[in-house]
Amino acid sequence: MVVVCLSARILAVVNSFCAMVEPRAYRGARSIDESLTIIESSDGAYDKRVVTVLKEVVTSAIGEKILAKRR
C-alpha cells in the first residue's frame, strides 16, 4: 500500500483544478462548476476530503473573489 502525504494530495487536486479552469492551446477554459464536477467524479483519483474542502473554498465569498480576478 502506498501512502501519499497530505500536501501531495492537496497539490494534486489544486493543480488539476487550476489546469481545468485555465485555457489551453487545445481547448478553452472549463467553468468552475464543470471542473469541480470532473474532479468529484474521478473515483479514487483524488482524496475526497481535499476535494470537499476545495469546493468549500471555491464557493466561499473569498474564493469567488479570488477566482473573479482570473476573468
N, C-alpha and C. Protein backbone atom coordinates (compact mmCIF):
# COMPACT_ATOMS: atom_id res chain seq x y z
N MET A 1 0.84 -1.18 0.00
CA MET A 1 0.00 0.00 0.00
C MET A 1 0.89 1.24 0.00
N VAL A 2 0.58 2.17 -0.88
CA VAL A 2 1.33 3.41 -0.99
C VAL A 2 0.61 4.50 -0.20
N VAL A 3 1.35 5.22 0.62
CA VAL A 3 0.79 6.31 1.39
C VAL A 3 1.30 7.62 0.79
N VAL A 4 0.37 8.48 0.41
CA VAL A 4 0.73 9.77 -0.17
C VAL A 4 0.46 10.84 0.87
N CYS A 5 1.46 11.69 1.12
CA CYS A 5 1.31 12.69 2.17
C CYS A 5 0.21 13.71 1.80
N LEU A 6 -0.33 14.34 2.81
CA LEU A 6 -1.44 15.27 2.65
C LEU A 6 -1.09 16.41 1.69
N SER A 7 0.09 16.97 1.82
CA SER A 7 0.46 18.09 0.95
C SER A 7 0.46 17.67 -0.53
N ALA A 8 0.88 16.47 -0.83
CA ALA A 8 0.86 15.97 -2.21
C ALA A 8 -0.57 15.78 -2.70
N ARG A 9 -1.46 15.30 -1.82
CA ARG A 9 -2.86 15.12 -2.21
C ARG A 9 -3.53 16.47 -2.47
N ILE A 10 -3.18 17.47 -1.67
CA ILE A 10 -3.73 18.82 -1.86
C ILE A 10 -3.23 19.39 -3.18
N LEU A 11 -1.94 19.28 -3.42
CA LEU A 11 -1.36 19.79 -4.66
C LEU A 11 -1.96 19.11 -5.89
N ALA A 12 -2.23 17.83 -5.81
CA ALA A 12 -2.81 17.10 -6.94
C ALA A 12 -4.18 17.67 -7.30
N VAL A 13 -5.01 17.92 -6.29
CA VAL A 13 -6.35 18.45 -6.53
C VAL A 13 -6.28 19.88 -7.06
N VAL A 14 -5.49 20.71 -6.42
CA VAL A 14 -5.41 22.12 -6.82
C VAL A 14 -4.79 22.25 -8.20
N ASN A 15 -3.76 21.48 -8.49
CA ASN A 15 -3.12 21.53 -9.80
C ASN A 15 -4.11 21.14 -10.90
N SER A 16 -4.86 20.09 -10.68
CA SER A 16 -5.85 19.67 -11.67
C SER A 16 -6.93 20.72 -11.86
N PHE A 17 -7.41 21.28 -10.76
CA PHE A 17 -8.45 22.31 -10.84
C PHE A 17 -7.94 23.52 -11.63
N CYS A 18 -6.75 24.00 -11.29
CA CYS A 18 -6.18 25.15 -11.98
C CYS A 18 -5.98 24.88 -13.47
N ALA A 19 -5.52 23.67 -13.80
CA ALA A 19 -5.32 23.31 -15.19
C ALA A 19 -6.64 23.30 -15.96
N MET A 20 -7.71 22.91 -15.30
CA MET A 20 -9.01 22.85 -15.97
C MET A 20 -9.63 24.22 -16.19
N VAL A 21 -9.48 25.13 -15.24
CA VAL A 21 -10.16 26.43 -15.36
C VAL A 21 -9.38 27.44 -16.20
N GLU A 22 -8.15 27.10 -16.57
CA GLU A 22 -7.36 27.96 -17.44
C GLU A 22 -7.42 27.44 -18.87
N PRO A 23 -7.45 28.34 -19.85
CA PRO A 23 -7.48 27.88 -21.24
C PRO A 23 -6.16 27.23 -21.63
N ARG A 24 -6.25 26.30 -22.54
CA ARG A 24 -5.08 25.61 -23.08
C ARG A 24 -5.08 25.82 -24.59
N ALA A 25 -3.96 25.54 -25.22
CA ALA A 25 -3.85 25.71 -26.67
C ALA A 25 -4.86 24.83 -27.41
N TYR A 26 -5.21 23.70 -26.82
CA TYR A 26 -6.08 22.73 -27.49
C TYR A 26 -7.53 22.78 -27.03
N ARG A 27 -7.85 23.67 -26.06
CA ARG A 27 -9.24 23.82 -25.61
C ARG A 27 -9.37 25.09 -24.79
N GLY A 28 -10.60 25.56 -24.68
CA GLY A 28 -10.86 26.73 -23.87
C GLY A 28 -10.90 26.37 -22.39
N ALA A 29 -11.02 27.37 -21.57
CA ALA A 29 -11.13 27.14 -20.12
C ALA A 29 -12.46 26.48 -19.80
N ARG A 30 -12.43 25.57 -18.86
CA ARG A 30 -13.67 24.97 -18.38
C ARG A 30 -14.23 25.85 -17.28
N SER A 31 -15.53 25.77 -17.06
CA SER A 31 -16.14 26.53 -15.98
C SER A 31 -15.73 25.94 -14.64
N ILE A 32 -15.89 26.73 -13.61
CA ILE A 32 -15.57 26.27 -12.26
C ILE A 32 -16.44 25.08 -11.89
N ASP A 33 -17.73 25.19 -12.16
CA ASP A 33 -18.65 24.09 -11.84
C ASP A 33 -18.30 22.81 -12.60
N GLU A 34 -17.98 22.94 -13.87
CA GLU A 34 -17.63 21.77 -14.67
C GLU A 34 -16.34 21.14 -14.14
N SER A 35 -15.37 21.97 -13.80
CA SER A 35 -14.10 21.46 -13.28
C SER A 35 -14.30 20.72 -11.96
N LEU A 36 -15.11 21.28 -11.07
CA LEU A 36 -15.38 20.61 -9.80
C LEU A 36 -16.11 19.29 -10.02
N THR A 37 -17.04 19.26 -10.96
CA THR A 37 -17.77 18.03 -11.26
C THR A 37 -16.83 16.96 -11.78
N ILE A 38 -15.92 17.33 -12.66
CA ILE A 38 -14.96 16.36 -13.19
C ILE A 38 -14.09 15.79 -12.07
N ILE A 39 -13.60 16.66 -11.22
CA ILE A 39 -12.74 16.21 -10.11
C ILE A 39 -13.53 15.33 -9.15
N GLU A 40 -14.75 15.74 -8.82
CA GLU A 40 -15.58 14.95 -7.90
C GLU A 40 -15.92 13.57 -8.47
N SER A 41 -16.07 13.49 -9.77
CA SER A 41 -16.48 12.22 -10.38
C SER A 41 -15.31 11.32 -10.74
N SER A 42 -14.10 11.75 -10.45
CA SER A 42 -12.91 10.95 -10.72
C SER A 42 -12.68 9.98 -9.57
N ASP A 43 -13.47 8.93 -9.56
CA ASP A 43 -13.46 7.98 -8.45
C ASP A 43 -12.06 7.48 -8.12
N GLY A 44 -11.64 7.76 -6.90
CA GLY A 44 -10.37 7.25 -6.40
C GLY A 44 -9.14 8.02 -6.83
N ALA A 45 -9.28 8.94 -7.78
CA ALA A 45 -8.10 9.67 -8.26
C ALA A 45 -7.66 10.74 -7.26
N TYR A 46 -8.61 11.28 -6.52
CA TYR A 46 -8.32 12.37 -5.60
C TYR A 46 -8.88 12.05 -4.21
N ASP A 47 -8.25 12.63 -3.20
CA ASP A 47 -8.72 12.49 -1.83
C ASP A 47 -10.05 13.24 -1.70
N LYS A 48 -11.09 12.54 -1.35
CA LYS A 48 -12.43 13.14 -1.28
C LYS A 48 -12.51 14.27 -0.26
N ARG A 49 -11.75 14.16 0.81
CA ARG A 49 -11.77 15.23 1.82
C ARG A 49 -11.14 16.50 1.26
N VAL A 50 -10.08 16.36 0.49
CA VAL A 50 -9.43 17.51 -0.12
C VAL A 50 -10.36 18.14 -1.16
N VAL A 51 -11.04 17.33 -1.94
CA VAL A 51 -11.99 17.84 -2.93
C VAL A 51 -13.12 18.60 -2.24
N THR A 52 -13.62 18.08 -1.13
CA THR A 52 -14.69 18.74 -0.39
C THR A 52 -14.24 20.11 0.10
N VAL A 53 -13.03 20.19 0.62
CA VAL A 53 -12.51 21.47 1.11
C VAL A 53 -12.30 22.44 -0.05
N LEU A 54 -11.79 21.95 -1.18
CA LEU A 54 -11.63 22.82 -2.35
C LEU A 54 -12.97 23.41 -2.75
N LYS A 55 -13.99 22.58 -2.80
CA LYS A 55 -15.32 23.06 -3.18
C LYS A 55 -15.83 24.12 -2.20
N GLU A 56 -15.59 23.89 -0.91
CA GLU A 56 -16.00 24.87 0.11
C GLU A 56 -15.26 26.20 -0.09
N VAL A 57 -13.98 26.14 -0.37
CA VAL A 57 -13.19 27.35 -0.57
C VAL A 57 -13.63 28.08 -1.83
N VAL A 58 -13.77 27.34 -2.92
CA VAL A 58 -14.14 27.94 -4.20
C VAL A 58 -15.51 28.62 -4.13
N THR A 59 -16.43 28.04 -3.39
CA THR A 59 -17.78 28.60 -3.32
C THR A 59 -17.94 29.61 -2.18
N SER A 60 -16.88 29.86 -1.42
CA SER A 60 -16.95 30.86 -0.35
C SER A 60 -16.81 32.26 -0.96
N ALA A 61 -17.11 33.26 -0.18
CA ALA A 61 -17.00 34.65 -0.66
C ALA A 61 -15.57 34.98 -1.07
N ILE A 62 -14.60 34.58 -0.28
CA ILE A 62 -13.20 34.87 -0.60
C ILE A 62 -12.76 34.08 -1.84
N GLY A 63 -13.21 32.85 -1.97
CA GLY A 63 -12.87 32.04 -3.14
C GLY A 63 -13.45 32.63 -4.41
N GLU A 64 -14.68 33.08 -4.35
CA GLU A 64 -15.30 33.71 -5.51
C GLU A 64 -14.57 34.99 -5.89
N LYS A 65 -14.12 35.73 -4.88
CA LYS A 65 -13.39 36.96 -5.14
C LYS A 65 -12.05 36.66 -5.83
N ILE A 66 -11.35 35.65 -5.34
CA ILE A 66 -10.06 35.27 -5.94
C ILE A 66 -10.25 34.79 -7.37
N LEU A 67 -11.25 33.95 -7.59
CA LEU A 67 -11.49 33.41 -8.93
C LEU A 67 -12.01 34.48 -9.90
N ALA A 68 -12.67 35.49 -9.39
CA ALA A 68 -13.18 36.56 -10.26
C ALA A 68 -12.03 37.33 -10.89
N LYS A 69 -10.89 37.36 -10.25
CA LYS A 69 -9.72 38.08 -10.78
C LYS A 69 -9.16 37.42 -12.03
N ARG A 70 -9.42 36.15 -12.22
CA ARG A 70 -8.88 35.46 -13.39
C ARG A 70 -9.66 35.76 -14.66
N ARG A 71 -10.81 36.33 -14.53
CA ARG A 71 -11.65 36.60 -15.72
C ARG A 71 -11.23 37.82 -16.45
